[in-house]
C-alpha atoms as a PDB file:
ATOM      1  CA  MET A   1     -20.403  -6.633 -19.133  1.00  0.00           C
ATOM      2  CA  ALA A   2     -18.962  -3.880 -16.996  1.00  0.00           C
ATOM      3  CA  PHE A   3     -16.480  -6.111 -15.149  1.00  0.00           C
ATOM      4  CA  LEU A   4     -14.907  -7.084 -18.488  1.00  0.00           C
ATOM      5  CA  HIS A   5     -14.741  -3.427 -19.509  1.00  0.00           C
ATOM      6  CA  GLY A   6     -13.038  -2.556 -16.198  1.00  0.00           C
ATOM      7  CA  GLU A   7     -10.625  -5.467 -16.534  1.00  0.00           C
ATOM      8  CA  ALA A   8      -9.688  -4.432 -20.073  1.00  0.00           C
ATOM      9  CA  LEU A   9      -9.055  -0.848 -18.961  1.00  0.00           C
ATOM     10  CA  THR A  10      -6.905  -2.098 -16.064  1.00  0.00           C
ATOM     11  CA  ARG A  11      -4.790  -4.219 -18.403  1.00  0.00           C
ATOM     12  CA  LEU A  12      -4.361  -1.189 -20.652  1.00  0.00           C
ATOM     13  CA  GLY A  13      -3.043   0.754 -17.669  1.00  0.00           C
ATOM     14  CA  ARG A  14      -6.037   3.088 -17.607  1.00  0.00           C
ATOM     15  CA  THR A  15      -6.653   2.487 -13.901  1.00  0.00           C
ATOM     16  CA  LYS A  16      -8.544   5.699 -13.107  1.00  0.00           C
ATOM     17  CA  GLU A  17     -11.044   4.983 -15.840  1.00  0.00           C
ATOM     18  CA  ALA A  18     -11.246   1.313 -14.851  1.00  0.00           C
ATOM     19  CA  GLU A  19     -11.956   2.266 -11.251  1.00  0.00           C
ATOM     20  CA  ARG A  20     -14.667   4.742 -12.285  1.00  0.00           C
ATOM     21  CA  VAL A  21     -16.384   2.228 -14.601  1.00  0.00           C
ATOM     22  CA  SER A  22     -16.183  -0.600 -12.063  1.00  0.00           C
ATOM     23  CA  GLN A  23     -17.481   1.490  -9.168  1.00  0.00           C
ATOM     24  CA  ALA A  24     -20.449   2.747 -11.204  1.00  0.00           C
ATOM     25  CA  ALA A  25     -21.276  -0.811 -12.266  1.00  0.00           C
ATOM     26  CA  LEU A  26     -20.905  -2.054  -8.690  1.00  0.00           C
ATOM     27  CA  ARG A  27     -23.353   0.563  -7.406  1.00  0.00           C
ATOM     28  CA  ALA A  28     -25.862  -0.518 -10.052  1.00  0.00           C
ATOM     29  CA  ALA A  29     -25.358  -4.212  -9.242  1.00  0.00           C
ATOM     30  CA  GLN A  30     -25.880  -3.450  -5.545  1.00  0.00           C
ATOM     31  CA  ASP A  31     -29.030  -1.426  -6.282  1.00  0.00           C
ATOM     32  CA  TYR A  32     -30.476  -4.356  -8.246  1.00  0.00           C
ATOM     33  CA  GLU A  33     -29.152  -6.957  -5.768  1.00  0.00           C
ATOM     34  CA  MET A  34     -27.035  -8.918  -8.242  1.00  0.00           C
ATOM     35  CA  PRO A  35     -24.418 -10.820  -6.165  1.00  0.00           C
ATOM     36  CA  PRO A  36     -23.205 -12.908  -9.144  1.00  0.00           C
ATOM     37  CA  ILE A  37     -22.079  -9.680 -10.821  1.00  0.00           C
ATOM     38  CA  GLN A  38     -21.110  -7.869  -7.610  1.00  0.00           C
ATOM     39  CA  TRP A  39     -18.394 -10.354  -6.668  1.00  0.00           C
ATOM     40  CA  ARG A  40     -16.815 -10.039 -10.147  1.00  0.00           C
ATOM     41  CA  LEU A  41     -16.868  -6.234  -9.848  1.00  0.00           C
ATOM     42  CA  HIS A  42     -15.233  -6.393  -6.402  1.00  0.00           C
ATOM     43  CA  LEU A  43     -12.623  -8.694  -7.949  1.00  0.00           C
ATOM     44  CA  GLY A  44     -12.051  -6.186 -10.748  1.00  0.00           C
ATOM     45  CA  LEU A  45     -11.730  -3.278  -8.322  1.00  0.00           C
ATOM     46  CA  GLY A  46      -9.233  -5.313  -6.318  1.00  0.00           C
ATOM     47  CA  LYS A  47      -7.131  -5.754  -9.451  1.00  0.00           C
ATOM     48  CA  VAL A  48      -7.379  -2.025 -10.189  1.00  0.00           C
ATOM     49  CA  HIS A  49      -6.116  -1.219  -6.691  1.00  0.00           C
ATOM     50  CA  LEU A  50      -3.252  -3.683  -7.099  1.00  0.00           C
ATOM     51  CA  ALA A  51      -2.306  -2.028 -10.389  1.00  0.00           C
ATOM     52  CA  LYS A  52      -2.257   1.313  -8.554  1.00  0.00           C
ATOM     53  CA  GLY A  53      -0.097  -0.127  -5.756  1.00  0.00           C
ATOM     54  CA  GLN A  54      -2.920   0.125  -3.210  1.00  0.00           C
ATOM     55  CA  ARG A  55      -2.568  -3.251  -1.552  1.00  0.00           C
ATOM     56  CA  ASP A  56      -4.772  -2.578   1.468  1.00  0.00           C
ATOM     57  CA  GLU A  57      -7.649  -1.321  -0.710  1.00  0.00           C
ATOM     58  CA  ALA A  58      -7.222  -4.371  -2.961  1.00  0.00           C
ATOM     59  CA  ALA A  59      -7.446  -6.668   0.063  1.00  0.00           C
ATOM     60  CA  VAL A  60     -10.724  -5.007   1.100  1.00  0.00           C
ATOM     61  CA  GLU A  61     -12.217  -5.530  -2.370  1.00  0.00           C
ATOM     62  CA  PHE A  62     -11.038  -9.152  -2.501  1.00  0.00           C
ATOM     63  CA  ALA A  63     -12.535  -9.783   0.948  1.00  0.00           C
ATOM     64  CA  ALA A  64     -15.877  -8.395  -0.254  1.00  0.00           C
ATOM     65  CA  ALA A  65     -15.669 -10.643  -3.321  1.00  0.00           C
ATOM     66  CA  ARG A  66     -14.885 -13.693  -1.152  1.00  0.00           C
ATOM     67  CA  ALA A  67     -17.837 -12.957   1.137  1.00  0.00           C
ATOM     68  CA  LEU A  68     -20.173 -12.798  -1.862  1.00  0.00           C
ATOM     69  CA  VAL A  69     -18.693 -15.998  -3.318  1.00  0.00           C
ATOM     70  CA  GLU A  70     -19.330 -17.794  -0.016  1.00  0.00           C
ATOM     71  CA  LYS A  71     -22.884 -16.450   0.072  1.00  0.00           C
ATOM     72  CA  LEU A  72     -23.498 -17.649  -3.486  1.00  0.00           C
ATOM     73  CA  ALA A  73     -21.818 -21.003  -2.859  1.00  0.00           C
ATOM     74  CA  ALA A  74     -24.171 -21.645   0.057  1.00  0.00           C
ATOM     75  CA  THR A  75     -27.070 -21.651  -2.416  1.00  0.00           C
ATOM     76  CA  VAL A  76     -25.566 -24.421  -4.588  1.00  0.00           C
ATOM     77  CA  ASP A  77     -26.791 -27.906  -3.620  1.00  0.00           C
ATOM     78  CA  ASP A  78     -24.272 -29.955  -5.620  1.00  0.00           C
ATOM     79  CA  ALA A  79     -21.122 -30.230  -3.464  1.00  0.00           C
ATOM     80  CA  ALA A  80     -18.746 -30.777  -6.384  1.00  0.00           C
ATOM     81  CA  LEU A  81     -20.158 -27.808  -8.292  1.00  0.00           C
ATOM     82  CA  ARG A  82     -20.054 -25.645  -5.163  1.00  0.00           C
ATOM     83  CA  ASP A  83     -16.426 -26.581  -4.411  1.00  0.00           C
ATOM     84  CA  ASN A  84     -15.396 -25.978  -8.014  1.00  0.00           C
ATOM     85  CA  PHE A  85     -17.009 -22.512  -7.955  1.00  0.00           C
ATOM     86  CA  VAL A  86     -15.291 -21.542  -4.699  1.00  0.00           C
ATOM     87  CA  LYS A  87     -11.892 -22.835  -5.871  1.00  0.00           C
ATOM     88  CA  SER A  88     -12.171 -21.094  -9.251  1.00  0.00           C
ATOM     89  CA  ALA A  89     -13.169 -17.800  -7.665  1.00  0.00           C
ATOM     90  CA  ALA A  90     -10.350 -18.041  -5.110  1.00  0.00           C
ATOM     91  CA  ALA A  91      -7.835 -18.712  -7.879  1.00  0.00           C
ATOM     92  CA  MET A  92      -8.982 -15.572  -9.692  1.00  0.00           C
ATOM     93  CA  MET A  93      -8.347 -13.498  -6.577  1.00  0.00           C
ATOM     94  CA  GLY A  94      -5.035 -14.905  -5.495  1.00  0.00           C
ATOM     95  CA  ARG A  95      -3.560 -13.756  -2.235  1.00  0.00           C
ATOM     96  CA  VAL A  96      -2.900 -10.158  -1.360  1.00  0.00           C
ATOM     97  CA  ALA A  97      -0.620  -9.402   1.544  1.00  0.00           C
ATOM     98  CA  LEU A  98      -1.506  -6.268   3.462  1.00  0.00           C
ATOM     99  CA  ASP A  99       1.095  -3.570   3.664  1.00  0.00           C
ATOM    100  CA  SER A 100       3.322  -4.034   6.689  1.00  0.00           C
ATOM    101  CA  ALA A 101       3.866  -1.190   9.133  1.00  0.00           C
ATOM    102  CA  ARG A 102       7.393  -0.789   7.758  1.00  0.00           C
ATOM    103  CA  ARG A 103       6.146  -0.594   4.160  1.00  0.00           C
ATOM    104  CA  LYS A 104       3.491   1.976   5.124  1.00  0.00           C
ATOM    105  CA  ALA A 105       6.056   4.094   6.974  1.00  0.00           C
ATOM    106  CA  LYS A 106       8.375   3.947   3.978  1.00  0.00           C
ATOM    107  CA  LYS A 107       5.565   4.956   1.622  1.00  0.00           C
ATOM    108  CA  GLU A 108       4.556   7.866   3.872  1.00  0.00           C
ATOM    109  CA  SER A 109       8.169   9.037   4.154  1.00  0.00           C
ATOM    110  CA  GLY A 110       9.070   9.473   0.517  1.00  0.00           C
ATOM    111  CA  GLY A 111      10.523   5.974   0.221  1.00  0.00           C
ATOM    112  CA  LEU A 112      13.096   6.423   2.994  1.00  0.00           C
ATOM    113  CA  THR A 113      14.269   3.363   4.883  1.00  0.00           C
ATOM    114  CA  THR A 114      14.062   3.192   8.670  1.00  0.00           C
ATOM    115  CA  ARG A 115      17.747   4.140   8.988  1.00  0.00           C
ATOM    116  CA  GLU A 116      17.367   7.048   6.581  1.00  0.00           C
ATOM    117  CA  ARG A 117      14.393   8.333   8.602  1.00  0.00           C
ATOM    118  CA  GLU A 118      16.505   8.086  11.767  1.00  0.00           C
ATOM    119  CA  VAL A 119      19.315  10.060  10.130  1.00  0.00           C
ATOM    120  CA  ALA A 120      16.805  12.690   8.959  1.00  0.00           C
ATOM    121  CA  GLY A 121      15.442  12.948  12.516  1.00  0.00           C
ATOM    122  CA  LEU A 122      18.928  13.453  13.920  1.00  0.00           C
ATOM    123  CA  ILE A 123      19.648  16.112  11.297  1.00  0.00           C
ATOM    124  CA  ALA A 124      16.454  17.859  12.429  1.00  0.00           C
ATOM    125  CA  GLN A 125      17.886  17.819  15.962  1.00  0.00           C
ATOM    126  CA  GLY A 126      20.933  19.693  14.639  1.00  0.00           C
ATOM    127  CA  LYS A 127      23.369  16.786  14.913  1.00  0.00           C
ATOM    128  CA  SER A 128      26.565  16.745  12.834  1.00  0.00           C
ATOM    129  CA  ASN A 129      27.557  13.733  10.744  1.00  0.00           C
ATOM    130  CA  LYS A 130      30.008  12.710  13.464  1.00  0.00           C
ATOM    131  CA  GLU A 131      27.334  12.943  16.178  1.00  0.00           C
ATOM    132  CA  ILE A 132      24.903  10.967  14.035  1.00  0.00           C
ATOM    133  CA  ALA A 133      27.551   8.294  13.434  1.00  0.00           C
ATOM    134  CA  GLU A 134      28.190   7.996  17.183  1.00  0.00           C
ATOM    135  CA  ALA A 135      24.501   7.967  18.093  1.00  0.00           C
ATOM    136  CA  MET A 136      23.735   5.249  15.557  1.00  0.00           C
ATOM    137  CA  THR A 137      27.062   3.409  15.871  1.00  0.00           C
ATOM    138  CA  LEU A 138      27.802   3.837  12.180  1.00  0.00           C
ATOM    139  CA  SER A 139      30.835   5.022  10.263  1.00  0.00           C
ATOM    140  CA  ASN A 140      30.975   8.569   8.903  1.00  0.00           C
ATOM    141  CA  ARG A 141      30.872   7.145   5.378  1.00  0.00           C
ATOM    142  CA  THR A 142      27.677   5.254   6.107  1.00  0.00           C
ATOM    143  CA  VAL A 143      26.066   8.396   7.526  1.00  0.00           C
ATOM    144  CA  GLU A 144      27.147  10.326   4.427  1.00  0.00           C
ATOM    145  CA  ALA A 145      25.616   7.602   2.240  1.00  0.00           C
ATOM    146  CA  HIS A 146      22.340   7.792   4.174  1.00  0.00           C
ATOM    147  CA  ILE A 147      22.263  11.575   3.825  1.00  0.00           C
ATOM    148  CA  SER A 148      22.992  11.317   0.115  1.00  0.00           C
ATOM    149  CA  ASN A 149      20.131   8.809  -0.253  1.00  0.00           C
ATOM    150  CA  VAL A 150      17.748  11.076   1.681  1.00  0.00           C
ATOM    151  CA  LEU A 151      18.678  14.079  -0.475  1.00  0.00           C
ATOM    152  CA  SER A 152      18.203  12.044  -3.640  1.00  0.00           C
ATOM    153  CA  LYS A 153      14.920  10.354  -2.671  1.00  0.00           C
ATOM    154  CA  LEU A 154      13.309  13.571  -1.462  1.00  0.00           C
ATOM    155  CA  GLY A 155      14.771  15.730  -4.220  1.00  0.00           C
ATOM    156  CA  PHE A 156      16.471  18.059  -1.750  1.00  0.00           C
ATOM    157  CA  ASN A 157      19.738  19.994  -2.061  1.00  0.00           C
ATOM    158  CA  SER A 158      20.652  20.656   1.569  1.00  0.00           C
ATOM    159  CA  ARG A 159      20.615  19.395   5.135  1.00  0.00           C
ATOM    160  CA  ALA A 160      18.392  22.358   6.012  1.00  0.00           C
ATOM    161  CA  GLN A 161      15.682  21.028   3.706  1.00  0.00           C
ATOM    162  CA  ILE A 162      15.996  17.609   5.331  1.00  0.00           C
ATOM    163  CA  ALA A 163      15.721  19.203   8.799  1.00  0.00           C
ATOM    164  CA  VAL A 164      12.557  21.119   7.893  1.00  0.00           C
ATOM    165  CA  TRP A 165      10.986  18.054   6.287  1.00  0.00           C
ATOM    166  CA  ALA A 166      11.927  15.749   9.189  1.00  0.00           C
ATOM    167  CA  SER A 167      10.575  18.223  11.730  1.00  0.00           C
ATOM    168  CA  ALA A 168       7.297  18.489   9.830  1.00  0.00           C
ATOM    169  CA  LYS A 169       7.025  14.676   9.797  1.00  0.00           C
ATOM    170  CA  GLY A 170       7.793  14.463  13.527  1.00  0.00           C
ATOM    171  CA  LEU A 171      10.948  12.407  12.960  1.00  0.00           C
ATOM    172  CA  ALA A 172      13.066  14.449  15.389  1.00  0.00           C
ATOM    173  CA  GLU A 173      10.680  13.633  18.232  1.00  0.00           C
ATOM    174  CA  ARG A 174      10.449   9.954  17.296  1.00  0.00           C
ATOM    175  CA  VAL A 175      14.238   9.638  17.347  1.00  0.00           C
ATOM    176  CA  LYS A 176      14.357  11.303  20.796  1.00  0.00           C
ATOM    177  CA  SER A 177      11.727   9.011  22.253  1.00  0.00           C
ATOM    178  CA  ALA A 178      13.414   5.935  20.747  1.00  0.00           C
ATOM    179  CA  ALA A 179      16.729   7.012  22.295  1.00  0.00           C
ATOM    180  CA  ARG A 180      15.055   7.418  25.704  1.00  0.00           C
ATOM    181  CA  LYS A 181      13.646   3.878  25.537  1.00  0.00           C
ATOM    182  CA  GLN A 182      17.130   2.407  25.045  1.00  0.00           C
END
């Protein structure tokens, strides 16, 4: 069974291969209209996405699996059997929280926190450490720590590299518009 093959590959950490195998099997199951296998393949793909850190994609796959489980459950006459099937399938899927806006922003910004992105934006505006500290009501040491974290996380060696990166990401403009709103 392809879903078992995909699950084994996922557990072995071979997520690219697991995804490829599971997607091919899912296409075949869809072509032959096999919902009992399709929901298991969606479940497997959801687990692959979780293993790859792709929470939103996992949630989509789990939602597809749940929809198929509900469709299949509607065909079962015995209420106890139907409820047991739905509960068992739900337990296999667990709950997947979607990425929050903050988590997505952090992921898109090289792992920088909100404060670190603000500091990077102010560096892109040409602000000194002292000016950044005043603008953000922080101590100079805290600003230095943020800059050190930014340099480390992005693998940079200078403020100039931070400024170029922050400008390319539009952080300088975001900091300006946030300052105007206050």
